[in-house]
Amino acid sequence: MITDTDTIDRALRLDGNAVAGELQMLLNLDVTILQMTCSHCHKEGIFANLLAYVRGPGLVLRCPTCDGLILQLVKSPSGSILTVEGLAADIKSTIIP
């Protein structure tokens, strides 16, 4: 059974390519070619397959397999906060002036 919440969730969801330009400008890196591993379910995949939510105060990327949080980006006048806690890697978050 499809609920109203499921319908709204699907309507707000984009793929990872929707935020690639924003992250490329911030990191000076073409993220569309990145292979990554979800730290929640350990599924490997490409950046483009991530689920992007961009209509909030920042942007959020989630794993398409387990819906685990992969990346958050919040921008403010004083800088940006990038959190990548959902990637199976050493870096967890950084503040970018």
N, C-alpha and C. Protein backbone atom coordinates (compact mmCIF):
# COMPACT_ATOMS: atom_id res chain seq x y z
N MET A 1 0.82 -1.17 0.00
CA MET A 1 0.00 0.00 0.00
C MET A 1 0.88 1.25 0.00
N ILE A 2 0.62 2.15 -0.90
CA ILE A 2 1.37 3.40 -0.99
C ILE A 2 0.67 4.45 -0.15
N THR A 3 1.42 5.04 0.78
CA THR A 3 0.85 6.07 1.65
C THR A 3 1.13 7.45 1.09
N ASP A 4 0.47 8.46 1.67
CA ASP A 4 0.73 9.84 1.26
C ASP A 4 2.18 10.22 1.52
N THR A 5 2.75 9.70 2.61
CA THR A 5 4.15 9.99 2.93
C THR A 5 5.07 9.44 1.85
N ASP A 6 4.80 8.23 1.36
CA ASP A 6 5.61 7.65 0.29
C ASP A 6 5.53 8.49 -0.98
N THR A 7 4.34 8.97 -1.30
CA THR A 7 4.14 9.78 -2.49
C THR A 7 4.90 11.10 -2.38
N ILE A 8 4.82 11.74 -1.22
CA ILE A 8 5.54 13.00 -1.00
C ILE A 8 7.04 12.77 -1.06
N ASP A 9 7.50 11.68 -0.42
CA ASP A 9 8.93 11.36 -0.42
C ASP A 9 9.44 11.19 -1.85
N ARG A 10 8.71 10.46 -2.68
CA ARG A 10 9.12 10.26 -4.07
C ARG A 10 9.13 11.57 -4.85
N ALA A 11 8.19 12.45 -4.56
CA ALA A 11 8.10 13.73 -5.26
C ALA A 11 9.27 14.65 -4.92
N LEU A 12 9.80 14.54 -3.71
CA LEU A 12 10.90 15.40 -3.27
C LEU A 12 12.27 14.84 -3.62
N ARG A 13 12.34 13.60 -4.04
CA ARG A 13 13.61 12.89 -4.23
C ARG A 13 14.16 13.10 -5.64
N LEU A 14 15.47 13.38 -5.71
CA LEU A 14 16.20 13.47 -6.97
C LEU A 14 17.34 12.48 -6.91
N ASP A 15 18.12 12.35 -8.00
CA ASP A 15 19.31 11.50 -7.91
C ASP A 15 20.53 12.35 -7.56
N GLY A 16 21.64 11.69 -7.27
CA GLY A 16 22.85 12.38 -6.85
C GLY A 16 23.36 13.42 -7.82
N ASN A 17 23.08 13.25 -9.10
CA ASN A 17 23.54 14.22 -10.09
C ASN A 17 22.95 15.61 -9.86
N ALA A 18 21.81 15.69 -9.19
CA ALA A 18 21.15 16.97 -8.95
C ALA A 18 21.99 17.90 -8.07
N VAL A 19 22.88 17.34 -7.27
CA VAL A 19 23.70 18.16 -6.38
C VAL A 19 25.18 18.12 -6.75
N ALA A 20 25.51 17.45 -7.84
CA ALA A 20 26.91 17.30 -8.24
C ALA A 20 27.59 18.64 -8.49
N GLY A 21 26.91 19.56 -9.14
CA GLY A 21 27.50 20.86 -9.43
C GLY A 21 27.83 21.64 -8.17
N GLU A 22 26.90 21.62 -7.22
CA GLU A 22 27.10 22.30 -5.93
C GLU A 22 28.31 21.74 -5.20
N LEU A 23 28.42 20.42 -5.15
CA LEU A 23 29.55 19.80 -4.46
C LEU A 23 30.85 19.98 -5.23
N GLN A 24 30.79 20.00 -6.54
CA GLN A 24 31.99 20.22 -7.34
C GLN A 24 32.55 21.61 -7.09
N MET A 25 31.68 22.61 -7.01
CA MET A 25 32.15 23.97 -6.72
C MET A 25 32.76 24.06 -5.33
N LEU A 26 32.19 23.35 -4.39
CA LEU A 26 32.66 23.39 -3.01
C LEU A 26 33.96 22.62 -2.81
N LEU A 27 34.07 21.45 -3.43
CA LEU A 27 35.21 20.56 -3.21
C LEU A 27 36.25 20.59 -4.31
N ASN A 28 35.94 21.25 -5.43
CA ASN A 28 36.82 21.27 -6.59
C ASN A 28 37.13 19.83 -7.04
N LEU A 29 36.06 19.03 -7.14
CA LEU A 29 36.19 17.62 -7.44
C LEU A 29 34.93 17.17 -8.19
N ASP A 30 35.11 16.40 -9.24
CA ASP A 30 33.97 15.86 -9.98
C ASP A 30 33.42 14.66 -9.23
N VAL A 31 32.37 14.87 -8.46
CA VAL A 31 31.83 13.80 -7.62
C VAL A 31 31.05 12.76 -8.42
N THR A 32 30.68 13.07 -9.65
CA THR A 32 29.88 12.12 -10.43
C THR A 32 30.63 10.84 -10.76
N ILE A 33 31.95 10.87 -10.68
CA ILE A 33 32.74 9.68 -11.00
C ILE A 33 33.12 8.87 -9.75
N LEU A 34 32.70 9.33 -8.58
CA LEU A 34 33.08 8.68 -7.34
C LEU A 34 32.35 7.36 -7.13
N GLN A 35 33.10 6.36 -6.70
CA GLN A 35 32.54 5.11 -6.19
C GLN A 35 32.54 5.25 -4.67
N MET A 36 31.50 4.82 -4.02
CA MET A 36 31.44 4.96 -2.57
C MET A 36 30.79 3.75 -1.94
N THR A 37 31.02 3.61 -0.62
CA THR A 37 30.43 2.53 0.15
C THR A 37 29.65 3.12 1.31
N CYS A 38 28.41 2.68 1.46
CA CYS A 38 27.56 3.14 2.55
C CYS A 38 28.07 2.52 3.85
N SER A 39 28.26 3.34 4.88
CA SER A 39 28.74 2.81 6.16
C SER A 39 27.63 2.13 6.95
N HIS A 40 26.40 2.28 6.51
CA HIS A 40 25.27 1.66 7.21
C HIS A 40 25.04 0.22 6.73
N CYS A 41 24.91 0.03 5.41
CA CYS A 41 24.61 -1.30 4.86
C CYS A 41 25.78 -1.91 4.08
N HIS A 42 26.85 -1.13 3.89
CA HIS A 42 28.07 -1.56 3.20
C HIS A 42 27.87 -1.85 1.72
N LYS A 43 26.82 -1.32 1.15
CA LYS A 43 26.56 -1.45 -0.29
C LYS A 43 27.45 -0.46 -1.04
N GLU A 44 28.11 -0.94 -2.08
CA GLU A 44 28.92 -0.07 -2.93
C GLU A 44 28.08 0.46 -4.07
N GLY A 45 28.39 1.68 -4.49
CA GLY A 45 27.65 2.26 -5.60
C GLY A 45 28.29 3.53 -6.09
N ILE A 46 27.65 4.14 -7.07
CA ILE A 46 28.17 5.38 -7.62
C ILE A 46 27.36 6.56 -7.09
N PHE A 47 27.98 7.72 -7.11
CA PHE A 47 27.38 8.94 -6.59
C PHE A 47 26.01 9.21 -7.19
N ALA A 48 25.87 9.02 -8.49
CA ALA A 48 24.62 9.34 -9.19
C ALA A 48 23.43 8.55 -8.65
N ASN A 49 23.67 7.38 -8.06
CA ASN A 49 22.57 6.56 -7.55
C ASN A 49 22.07 6.98 -6.17
N LEU A 50 22.78 7.89 -5.51
CA LEU A 50 22.32 8.35 -4.20
C LEU A 50 21.00 9.10 -4.34
N LEU A 51 20.21 9.11 -3.28
CA LEU A 51 18.94 9.83 -3.26
C LEU A 51 19.20 11.22 -2.69
N ALA A 52 18.86 12.24 -3.45
CA ALA A 52 19.12 13.63 -3.05
C ALA A 52 17.82 14.32 -2.65
N TYR A 53 17.88 15.00 -1.52
CA TYR A 53 16.77 15.83 -1.04
C TYR A 53 17.32 17.24 -0.91
N VAL A 54 16.77 18.17 -1.68
CA VAL A 54 17.37 19.51 -1.77
C VAL A 54 16.42 20.64 -1.38
N ARG A 55 15.23 20.33 -0.96
CA ARG A 55 14.25 21.39 -0.69
C ARG A 55 14.21 21.82 0.77
N GLY A 56 15.21 21.49 1.54
CA GLY A 56 15.28 21.91 2.94
C GLY A 56 16.26 23.04 3.10
N PRO A 57 16.69 23.29 4.32
CA PRO A 57 17.66 24.35 4.56
C PRO A 57 19.06 24.00 4.06
N GLY A 58 19.26 22.78 3.66
CA GLY A 58 20.52 22.32 3.10
C GLY A 58 20.21 21.21 2.13
N LEU A 59 21.20 20.37 1.87
CA LEU A 59 20.92 19.22 1.02
C LEU A 59 21.35 17.95 1.74
N VAL A 60 20.64 16.88 1.43
CA VAL A 60 20.87 15.59 2.08
C VAL A 60 20.97 14.53 0.99
N LEU A 61 21.95 13.64 1.14
CA LEU A 61 22.07 12.48 0.26
C LEU A 61 21.91 11.22 1.10
N ARG A 62 21.08 10.30 0.60
CA ARG A 62 20.81 9.05 1.31
C ARG A 62 21.13 7.85 0.42
N CYS A 63 21.44 6.74 1.06
CA CYS A 63 21.71 5.48 0.37
C CYS A 63 20.42 4.97 -0.26
N PRO A 64 20.45 4.56 -1.54
CA PRO A 64 19.25 4.04 -2.17
C PRO A 64 18.85 2.65 -1.68
N THR A 65 19.77 1.96 -1.02
CA THR A 65 19.49 0.61 -0.53
C THR A 65 18.85 0.62 0.85
N CYS A 66 19.47 1.35 1.80
CA CYS A 66 18.99 1.31 3.19
C CYS A 66 18.42 2.64 3.67
N ASP A 67 18.48 3.69 2.86
CA ASP A 67 18.01 5.03 3.20
C ASP A 67 18.87 5.68 4.29
N GLY A 68 20.05 5.12 4.55
CA GLY A 68 20.95 5.70 5.54
C GLY A 68 21.49 7.04 5.07
N LEU A 69 21.74 7.92 6.02
CA LEU A 69 22.28 9.25 5.72
C LEU A 69 23.73 9.13 5.26
N ILE A 70 24.02 9.64 4.07
CA ILE A 70 25.37 9.59 3.51
C ILE A 70 26.06 10.94 3.67
N LEU A 71 25.38 12.01 3.30
CA LEU A 71 26.02 13.33 3.25
C LEU A 71 24.99 14.40 3.56
N GLN A 72 25.43 15.43 4.31
CA GLN A 72 24.62 16.63 4.55
C GLN A 72 25.48 17.83 4.23
N LEU A 73 24.88 18.84 3.62
CA LEU A 73 25.56 20.10 3.36
C LEU A 73 24.62 21.22 3.78
N VAL A 74 25.10 22.05 4.70
CA VAL A 74 24.34 23.22 5.14
C VAL A 74 25.22 24.44 4.89
N LYS A 75 24.66 25.43 4.19
CA LYS A 75 25.39 26.65 3.90
C LYS A 75 24.83 27.79 4.74
N SER A 76 25.73 28.65 5.21
CA SER A 76 25.34 29.83 5.96
C SER A 76 26.20 30.99 5.47
N PRO A 77 25.88 32.21 5.88
CA PRO A 77 26.70 33.35 5.46
C PRO A 77 28.17 33.23 5.89
N SER A 78 28.43 32.51 6.98
CA SER A 78 29.81 32.40 7.47
C SER A 78 30.56 31.20 6.91
N GLY A 79 29.90 30.34 6.17
CA GLY A 79 30.58 29.18 5.60
C GLY A 79 29.63 28.03 5.37
N SER A 80 30.18 26.87 5.14
CA SER A 80 29.39 25.67 4.89
C SER A 80 29.84 24.56 5.82
N ILE A 81 28.90 23.72 6.22
CA ILE A 81 29.21 22.55 7.02
C ILE A 81 28.88 21.32 6.19
N LEU A 82 29.89 20.51 5.96
CA LEU A 82 29.74 19.30 5.17
C LEU A 82 29.96 18.10 6.09
N THR A 83 28.98 17.23 6.17
CA THR A 83 29.07 16.02 6.98
C THR A 83 28.91 14.81 6.07
N VAL A 84 29.86 13.91 6.14
CA VAL A 84 29.82 12.70 5.30
C VAL A 84 29.88 11.45 6.18
N GLU A 85 29.10 11.45 7.24
CA GLU A 85 29.15 10.35 8.20
C GLU A 85 28.71 9.01 7.63
N GLY A 86 27.98 9.02 6.54
CA GLY A 86 27.48 7.77 5.98
C GLY A 86 28.41 7.09 5.00
N LEU A 87 29.57 7.69 4.74
CA LEU A 87 30.54 7.06 3.85
C LEU A 87 31.49 6.20 4.67
N ALA A 88 31.81 5.05 4.16
CA ALA A 88 32.78 4.19 4.82
C ALA A 88 34.17 4.74 4.52
N ALA A 89 34.56 5.76 5.28
CA ALA A 89 35.85 6.43 5.08
C ALA A 89 36.27 7.09 6.39
N ASP A 90 37.48 7.65 6.41
CA ASP A 90 38.00 8.29 7.62
C ASP A 90 37.40 9.67 7.87
N ILE A 91 37.11 10.42 6.81
CA ILE A 91 36.60 11.77 6.99
C ILE A 91 35.13 11.71 7.42
N LYS A 92 34.76 12.50 8.41
CA LYS A 92 33.39 12.51 8.89
C LYS A 92 32.72 13.86 8.65
N SER A 93 33.38 14.96 8.94
CA SER A 93 32.79 16.26 8.64
C SER A 93 33.88 17.32 8.60
N THR A 94 33.57 18.41 7.93
CA THR A 94 34.51 19.51 7.85
C THR A 94 33.74 20.80 7.68
N ILE A 95 34.31 21.89 8.16
CA ILE A 95 33.72 23.21 7.97
C ILE A 95 34.53 23.91 6.90
N ILE A 96 33.84 24.41 5.88
CA ILE A 96 34.50 25.04 4.74
C ILE A 96 34.16 26.52 4.77
N PRO A 97 35.16 27.39 4.96
CA PRO A 97 34.87 28.84 5.03
C PRO A 97 34.44 29.41 3.70
